[in-house]
Every structure is written in C-alpha cells, then in structure tokens.
Amino acid sequence: MMTTSLRFCLLLLTTLLAFAPQARAEETVCIQCHGGLEGRLGTPVGQWRGSIHAANGISCHDCHGGDPTDFAMAMSPERGFIGVPDYTAVPDFCGRCHVGVKEDYLASAHGKALAEGGAQCVVCHGNHSIQKASPELINSEDCSRCHEYGQAEEIKTAIVGTDQMLADLETDLQVLARQGVTVQQMEAASFALRNDFRRVFHSVNIDRVRSETAGFLQRGEEIKQQVEAIYAEMDQRKLIGGIVAALFFVASLICYLLRKTYQQEEDARS
C-alpha cells in the first residue's frame, strides 16, 4: 500500500484542490437581470451562487425553463418557462433530475402526507441555496420544525458511517485520477452506490436503512479493495524503480572508480 506520509500529502492536495472553482454555471440573462434586483427577486441569485447546483453548472433555466440567452424570451412559456411550482408539485419538479430519490420520497411518510402539507424537497434542502447532501442536513433544528427529532436522529446515526466511507472512497479515486490512473469504472460504481445510498434514507424508514446498510458497505468494500490493489501496485513499482535507480547509481560509481583507477595507472606509466 502507499506509504502513510505520501498518501496523506496526496489527500491533502486533493482536499485543497477541491476548494478551487468547479464547473460554474455561466452568467445567463436570468442571473444578469435578477442579480441587479433587490428583495425577493434578487435574493435567490446570491443563494444560488453558493449552492451545489451552481458549483455543478446547474442554472435557473435548468429548473425553471425559459431561454437563458434572450432577455425578451427568458420567461416565455413558448421557450419552456414553467416558473415556480405549486407546493405539491415540487417533488415532480425536482424529480425530473433526481428520479430515484423522488420514487423513494413519494413512498415515504413524507411523500404520503404531501397533500396535507407533508415535508417536500425544499422544506429540508431549501430552494436556491441547496448544499451538497450530507448527514449534517439531518439535524434537530430543522427536523424539529415538523416533528420530534428521535427517528431522524436514528437514521442519521445509521447512515453516518456509510457516508464517511463513500467520502473517503471518492477522495481516493480523485487522488488516483490526478496521478493518471484510469478510474472511470470505479467512479461509475461509486456514483451508483452513492445514489442508491441517498435514495434509501429519503424513505425515512429506519428499518430499511439499517437492513440495507450492510449491502452498501459491502459494495463500497469491493471498490475499496480495487483502490488498495492499485495503491499496492504503485508502491511496488516505486520500490522496483528505486532499486533500479540504486543499481544504476552503483554501476555508475563502479565505472567511475574503474575509470579513475585506469587513468591513475596510465599516468603512473607515463
């Protein structure tokens, strides 16, 4: 396996690079117009700029429709503008992209209570300032707005270990990718695992979360073993490379000494 010090340095480098600008969304006419407004019409722009959507290139028109290149047609239904959805339509609105999560949400206690005001996507995640999904989104302050925190806390406790495993795995894959290792298959497997994992806790069913956790951990362990095998191979190559370099140095030193001895003998004869 990769030495602890070297691996730590690579992980630190990856962490620092993670704060570099990602695939930011372009400044559309939506952003240009609303960015200059005050109050409720301008606030969403600032919220969106700090969101996971903005970091991944998802902009206003990706959710609300319309033409992001034309001021006159930006909010035209002819160009697909759908505006702000009604409360009960939010799961379908977000579910256009988050298909699997929508299915599990609709089957959950939250989804079944939607018509009576049950929590939907923006109640928990917000609308424009959406942050990267993490167990920290499950907390007493937010969950207690609607009900006691007990079951939500149990779900958070059940998922936190798996979530950390996934985060560590994704960091390792980023490190390998930056070193030129082909990791597309492992990244695809990790992405699928993460999505399946995210789906299950939207069911807000602690029994299901607990019963499926072992399977998620097993899938993660299989990917981790592939990662560790690559690390081990890289360490072996470095060891072999070091030995070859050392042998080359010794051979060069011997040649130098032989040449020097020969030169001294020649000088002595003359």
Protein backbone atom coordinates (compact mmCIF):
# COMPACT_ATOMS: atom_id res chain seq x y z
CA MET A 1 0.00 0.00 0.00
CA MET A 2 1.00 3.63 -0.44
CA THR A 3 3.10 4.93 2.44
CA THR A 4 1.16 6.87 5.06
CA SER A 5 3.09 10.11 4.58
CA LEU A 6 2.81 10.08 0.79
CA ARG A 7 -0.87 9.20 0.86
CA PHE A 8 -1.54 11.94 3.42
CA CYS A 9 0.17 14.52 1.19
CA LEU A 10 -1.86 13.43 -1.83
CA LEU A 11 -5.11 13.52 0.13
CA LEU A 12 -4.22 16.99 1.44
CA LEU A 13 -3.50 18.19 -2.10
CA THR A 14 -6.83 16.81 -3.30
CA THR A 15 -8.65 18.49 -0.42
CA LEU A 16 -7.08 21.85 -1.25
CA LEU A 17 -7.88 21.46 -4.94
CA ALA A 18 -11.49 20.69 -4.02
CA PHE A 19 -11.88 24.32 -3.00
CA ALA A 20 -10.86 25.52 -6.45
CA PRO A 21 -13.68 26.74 -8.71
CA GLN A 22 -15.59 23.88 -10.29
CA ALA A 23 -17.76 23.81 -13.42
CA ARG A 24 -19.52 27.05 -12.56
CA ALA A 25 -22.71 27.90 -14.41
CA GLU A 26 -22.48 30.68 -16.97
CA GLU A 27 -23.90 34.12 -16.24
CA THR A 28 -27.24 33.81 -18.04
CA VAL A 29 -29.67 36.66 -18.68
CA CYS A 30 -31.62 35.32 -15.69
CA ILE A 31 -28.62 35.94 -13.41
CA GLN A 32 -27.82 39.27 -15.02
CA CYS A 33 -31.35 40.57 -14.55
CA HIS A 34 -32.22 39.21 -11.10
CA GLY A 35 -28.71 39.90 -9.81
CA GLY A 36 -29.42 43.61 -10.08
CA LEU A 37 -32.75 43.45 -8.27
CA GLU A 38 -33.43 43.83 -4.57
CA GLY A 39 -35.61 41.87 -2.19
CA ARG A 40 -37.23 38.55 -3.04
CA LEU A 41 -36.46 38.91 -6.76
CA GLY A 42 -32.72 39.39 -6.23
CA THR A 43 -32.06 37.25 -3.14
CA PRO A 44 -32.19 33.88 -4.99
CA VAL A 45 -29.15 34.81 -7.09
CA GLY A 46 -26.88 35.17 -4.06
CA GLN A 47 -28.28 31.97 -2.57
CA TRP A 48 -27.79 30.09 -5.83
CA ARG A 49 -24.16 31.25 -6.21
CA GLY A 50 -23.21 29.36 -3.04
CA SER A 51 -25.17 26.23 -3.93
CA ILE A 52 -24.17 22.78 -5.14
CA HIS A 53 -26.24 23.48 -8.25
CA ALA A 54 -24.10 26.48 -9.21
CA ALA A 55 -20.90 24.53 -8.49
CA ASN A 56 -22.04 21.85 -10.93
CA GLY A 57 -23.19 24.18 -13.68
CA ILE A 58 -26.93 23.96 -12.95
CA SER A 59 -28.55 27.35 -13.51
CA CYS A 60 -32.00 28.94 -13.37
CA HIS A 61 -33.28 27.67 -16.72
CA ASP A 62 -32.30 24.08 -15.90
CA CYS A 63 -35.03 24.08 -13.27
CA HIS A 64 -37.42 26.86 -14.29
CA GLY A 65 -37.15 26.59 -18.06
CA GLY A 66 -37.16 29.59 -20.40
CA ASP A 67 -34.47 30.97 -22.70
CA PRO A 68 -31.29 31.92 -20.76
CA THR A 69 -29.83 33.77 -23.76
CA ASP A 70 -32.67 36.18 -24.57
CA PHE A 71 -33.95 38.86 -22.18
CA ALA A 72 -37.24 39.17 -24.05
CA MET A 73 -37.94 35.42 -24.12
CA ALA A 74 -36.33 34.38 -20.85
CA MET A 75 -39.72 33.90 -19.15
CA SER A 76 -41.71 32.87 -22.20
CA PRO A 77 -43.84 29.70 -21.95
CA GLU A 78 -43.07 29.26 -25.65
CA ARG A 79 -39.45 28.63 -24.64
CA GLY A 80 -40.45 26.21 -21.89
CA PHE A 81 -40.66 28.61 -18.93
CA ILE A 82 -42.55 26.94 -16.07
CA GLY A 83 -41.80 29.35 -13.24
CA VAL A 84 -42.29 28.38 -9.61
CA PRO A 85 -44.13 25.10 -8.96
CA ASP A 86 -47.00 24.73 -6.51
CA TYR A 87 -46.16 23.20 -3.14
CA THR A 88 -47.39 19.72 -4.03
CA ALA A 89 -45.70 19.85 -7.45
CA VAL A 90 -42.20 20.35 -6.04
CA PRO A 91 -41.30 16.60 -5.92
CA ASP A 92 -42.14 16.25 -9.62
CA PHE A 93 -40.24 19.49 -10.31
CA CYS A 94 -37.05 18.26 -8.60
CA GLY A 95 -37.69 14.66 -9.64
CA ARG A 96 -37.01 15.46 -13.28
CA CYS A 97 -33.33 15.08 -12.34
CA HIS A 98 -33.49 13.25 -9.01
CA VAL A 99 -35.60 10.40 -10.32
CA GLY A 100 -34.70 7.65 -7.84
CA VAL A 101 -34.91 9.93 -4.83
CA LYS A 102 -38.35 11.08 -5.96
CA GLU A 103 -39.60 7.47 -6.05
CA ASP A 104 -38.43 6.73 -2.52
CA TYR A 105 -39.68 10.08 -1.25
CA LEU A 106 -43.20 9.55 -2.66
CA ALA A 107 -43.36 6.14 -0.99
CA SER A 108 -42.25 7.59 2.35
CA ALA A 109 -44.27 9.05 5.21
CA HIS A 110 -43.25 12.50 3.96
CA GLY A 111 -44.47 11.80 0.43
CA LYS A 112 -47.73 10.20 1.52
CA ALA A 113 -48.54 13.31 3.57
CA LEU A 114 -47.67 15.73 0.77
CA ALA A 115 -51.28 16.75 0.03
CA GLU A 116 -51.77 17.58 3.72
CA GLY A 117 -48.63 19.72 3.87
CA GLY A 118 -46.08 16.98 4.45
CA ALA A 119 -42.43 17.93 4.01
CA GLN A 120 -41.16 18.03 0.44
CA CYS A 121 -37.75 18.74 -1.12
CA VAL A 122 -37.37 22.46 -0.43
CA VAL A 123 -38.59 22.13 3.17
CA CYS A 124 -35.47 20.12 4.02
CA HIS A 125 -33.00 21.20 1.32
CA GLY A 126 -34.04 24.77 0.64
CA ASN A 127 -34.80 26.02 -2.85
CA HIS A 128 -31.91 28.13 -4.21
CA SER A 129 -29.18 27.65 -1.56
CA ILE A 130 -29.08 23.87 -1.89
CA GLN A 131 -25.96 22.38 -0.34
CA LYS A 132 -24.15 19.11 -1.01
CA ALA A 133 -26.05 16.24 0.58
CA SER A 134 -24.56 15.11 3.88
CA PRO A 135 -25.75 13.72 7.23
CA GLU A 136 -25.48 17.26 8.62
CA LEU A 137 -28.70 18.10 6.79
CA ILE A 138 -30.42 15.82 9.29
CA ASN A 139 -30.38 17.87 12.48
CA SER A 140 -32.59 18.67 15.45
CA GLU A 141 -33.10 22.31 14.47
CA ASP A 142 -34.56 21.55 11.03
CA CYS A 143 -36.32 18.25 11.68
CA SER A 144 -37.95 19.51 14.89
CA ARG A 145 -39.80 22.17 12.93
CA CYS A 146 -42.30 19.46 11.96
CA HIS A 147 -41.89 16.58 14.44
CA GLU A 148 -39.74 15.15 17.21
CA TYR A 149 -36.13 14.52 16.25
CA GLY A 150 -35.95 10.93 17.56
CA GLN A 151 -36.42 8.87 14.39
CA ALA A 152 -34.47 11.34 12.27
CA GLU A 153 -31.54 11.06 14.71
CA GLU A 154 -31.68 7.25 14.45
CA ILE A 155 -31.49 7.49 10.66
CA LYS A 156 -28.56 9.92 10.87
CA THR A 157 -26.70 7.59 13.24
CA ALA A 158 -27.33 4.66 10.90
CA ILE A 159 -26.02 6.40 7.78
CA VAL A 160 -23.08 8.45 9.05
CA GLY A 161 -20.54 5.61 8.84
CA THR A 162 -21.52 4.66 5.29
CA ASP A 163 -21.48 8.30 4.23
CA GLN A 164 -17.91 8.71 5.54
CA MET A 165 -16.85 5.54 3.74
CA LEU A 166 -18.21 6.95 0.48
CA ALA A 167 -16.49 10.30 1.04
CA ASP A 168 -13.13 8.59 1.70
CA LEU A 169 -13.59 6.39 -1.35
CA GLU A 170 -14.34 9.34 -3.62
CA THR A 171 -11.25 11.16 -2.29
CA ASP A 172 -9.06 8.13 -3.04
CA LEU A 173 -10.44 7.95 -6.58
CA GLN A 174 -9.72 11.65 -7.09
CA VAL A 175 -6.14 11.12 -5.90
CA LEU A 176 -5.66 8.23 -8.33
CA ALA A 177 -7.21 10.17 -11.21
CA ARG A 178 -4.83 13.08 -10.60
CA GLN A 179 -1.95 10.64 -10.89
CA GLY A 180 -3.13 9.49 -14.30
CA VAL A 181 -4.74 6.23 -13.20
CA THR A 182 -7.83 5.15 -15.16
CA VAL A 183 -10.62 5.08 -12.60
CA GLN A 184 -13.77 5.57 -14.72
CA GLN A 185 -15.24 2.17 -13.90
CA MET A 186 -14.64 2.58 -10.18
CA GLU A 187 -16.02 6.12 -10.29
CA ALA A 188 -19.16 4.86 -12.04
CA ALA A 189 -19.59 2.15 -9.41
CA SER A 190 -19.03 4.67 -6.63
CA PHE A 191 -21.51 7.10 -8.20
CA ALA A 192 -24.18 4.38 -8.48
CA LEU A 193 -23.54 3.31 -4.89
CA ARG A 194 -23.83 6.86 -3.63
CA ASN A 195 -27.11 7.40 -5.49
CA ASP A 196 -28.62 4.16 -4.17
CA PHE A 197 -27.48 5.12 -0.68
CA ARG A 198 -29.00 8.60 -0.95
CA ARG A 199 -32.28 7.09 -2.12
CA VAL A 200 -32.74 4.78 0.83
CA PHE A 201 -32.70 7.42 3.55
CA HIS A 202 -35.29 9.50 1.69
CA SER A 203 -37.62 6.65 2.57
CA VAL A 204 -37.32 7.89 6.20
CA ASN A 205 -37.68 4.25 7.23
CA ILE A 206 -35.12 3.36 9.88
CA ASP A 207 -35.68 -0.40 9.47
CA ARG A 208 -34.99 -0.21 5.74
CA VAL A 209 -31.94 1.98 6.28
CA ARG A 210 -30.49 -0.48 8.79
CA SER A 211 -31.29 -3.56 6.69
CA GLU A 212 -29.67 -2.17 3.53
CA THR A 213 -26.59 -0.61 5.14
CA ALA A 214 -24.62 -3.87 5.10
CA GLY A 215 -25.13 -4.17 1.36
CA PHE A 216 -23.90 -0.62 0.76
CA LEU A 217 -20.83 -1.25 2.90
CA GLN A 218 -20.09 -4.47 1.00
CA ARG A 219 -20.30 -2.69 -2.36
CA GLY A 220 -18.06 0.05 -1.02
CA GLU A 221 -15.56 -2.50 0.28
CA GLU A 222 -15.32 -4.12 -3.16
CA ILE A 223 -14.42 -0.78 -4.74
CA LYS A 224 -12.03 -0.02 -1.89
CA GLN A 225 -10.21 -3.32 -2.47
CA GLN A 226 -9.66 -2.31 -6.12
CA VAL A 227 -8.29 1.04 -4.95
CA GLU A 228 -5.95 -0.59 -2.44
CA ALA A 229 -4.74 -3.03 -5.10
CA ILE A 230 -3.78 -0.07 -7.31
CA TYR A 231 -2.02 1.62 -4.40
CA ALA A 232 -0.11 -1.61 -3.71
CA GLU A 233 0.91 -1.92 -7.37
CA MET A 234 2.05 1.71 -7.41
CA ASP A 235 4.14 1.15 -4.27
CA GLN A 236 5.68 -1.95 -5.83
CA ARG A 237 6.57 -0.03 -8.97
CA LYS A 238 8.14 2.72 -6.88
CA LEU A 239 10.12 0.14 -4.94
CA ILE A 240 11.33 -1.52 -8.13
CA GLY A 241 12.11 1.88 -9.61
CA GLY A 242 14.07 2.78 -6.50
CA ILE A 243 16.04 -0.46 -6.68
CA VAL A 244 16.80 0.07 -10.38
CA ALA A 245 17.90 3.63 -9.69
CA ALA A 246 20.13 2.43 -6.84
CA LEU A 247 21.68 -0.27 -9.04
CA PHE A 248 22.26 2.27 -11.79
CA PHE A 249 23.94 4.57 -9.30
CA VAL A 250 26.17 1.75 -8.00
CA ALA A 251 27.05 0.70 -11.56
CA SER A 252 27.89 4.31 -12.45
CA LEU A 253 30.03 4.63 -9.33
CA ILE A 254 31.90 1.41 -10.14
CA CYS A 255 32.52 2.59 -13.71
CA TYR A 256 33.76 5.93 -12.38
CA LEU A 257 36.16 4.23 -9.94
CA LEU A 258 37.43 1.83 -12.59
CA ARG A 259 38.00 4.68 -14.99
CA LYS A 260 39.75 6.70 -12.32
CA THR A 261 41.96 3.71 -11.40
CA TYR A 262 42.80 3.11 -15.04
CA GLN A 263 43.67 6.78 -15.52
CA GLN A 264 45.91 6.72 -12.46
CA GLU A 265 47.72 3.63 -13.83
CA GLU A 266 48.17 5.33 -17.20
CA ASP A 267 49.56 8.40 -15.51
CA ALA A 268 51.94 6.25 -13.48
CA ARG A 269 53.27 4.52 -16.62
CA SER A 270 53.92 7.85 -18.32
